[in-house]
Amino acid sequence: MSTGPRYRVAFRRRREGKTDYRARLRLLKSDRPRAVV
């Protein structure tokens, strides 16, 4: 496994395609109450 500043691994959920962090960030910024199931 490569290490060092040049090698950056994406979030695990991002790699698995489960979480769209851009959409998630937008939801968090929109000041809505979070609904966690």
Protein backbone atom coordinates (compact mmCIF):
# COMPACT_ATOMS: atom_id res chain seq x y z
CA MET A 1 0.00 0.00 0.00
CA SER A 2 1.41 3.33 -0.99
CA THR A 3 1.75 6.07 1.59
CA GLY A 4 2.83 9.67 1.62
CA PRO A 5 1.22 12.94 0.56
CA ARG A 6 1.01 11.96 -3.11
CA TYR A 7 -1.22 8.98 -2.53
CA ARG A 8 -4.68 9.88 -1.33
CA VAL A 9 -7.43 7.35 -0.77
CA ALA A 10 -10.99 8.58 -1.10
CA PHE A 11 -13.45 8.04 1.72
CA ARG A 12 -14.39 4.39 1.95
CA ARG A 13 -18.10 5.12 1.46
CA ARG A 14 -17.22 7.29 -1.52
CA ARG A 15 -15.24 4.44 -3.05
CA GLU A 16 -18.10 2.03 -2.44
CA GLY A 17 -20.43 4.51 -4.10
CA LYS A 18 -22.73 4.70 -1.10
CA THR A 19 -22.43 8.34 -0.15
CA ASP A 20 -22.47 11.37 -2.41
CA TYR A 21 -20.58 13.81 -0.23
CA ARG A 22 -21.44 16.78 -2.42
CA ALA A 23 -25.15 16.16 -1.95
CA ARG A 24 -24.57 15.44 1.74
CA LEU A 25 -22.76 18.72 2.26
CA ARG A 26 -25.54 20.60 0.53
CA LEU A 27 -28.08 19.00 2.86
CA LEU A 28 -26.05 19.88 5.92
CA LYS A 29 -25.61 23.48 4.82
CA SER A 30 -29.29 23.95 4.04
CA ASP A 31 -29.96 24.12 7.81
CA ARG A 32 -32.57 21.39 7.76
CA PRO A 33 -33.01 19.09 10.72
CA ARG A 34 -31.10 15.90 10.06
CA ALA A 35 -33.13 12.73 9.74
CA VAL A 36 -31.04 9.69 10.55
CA VAL A 37 -32.66 6.32 10.15
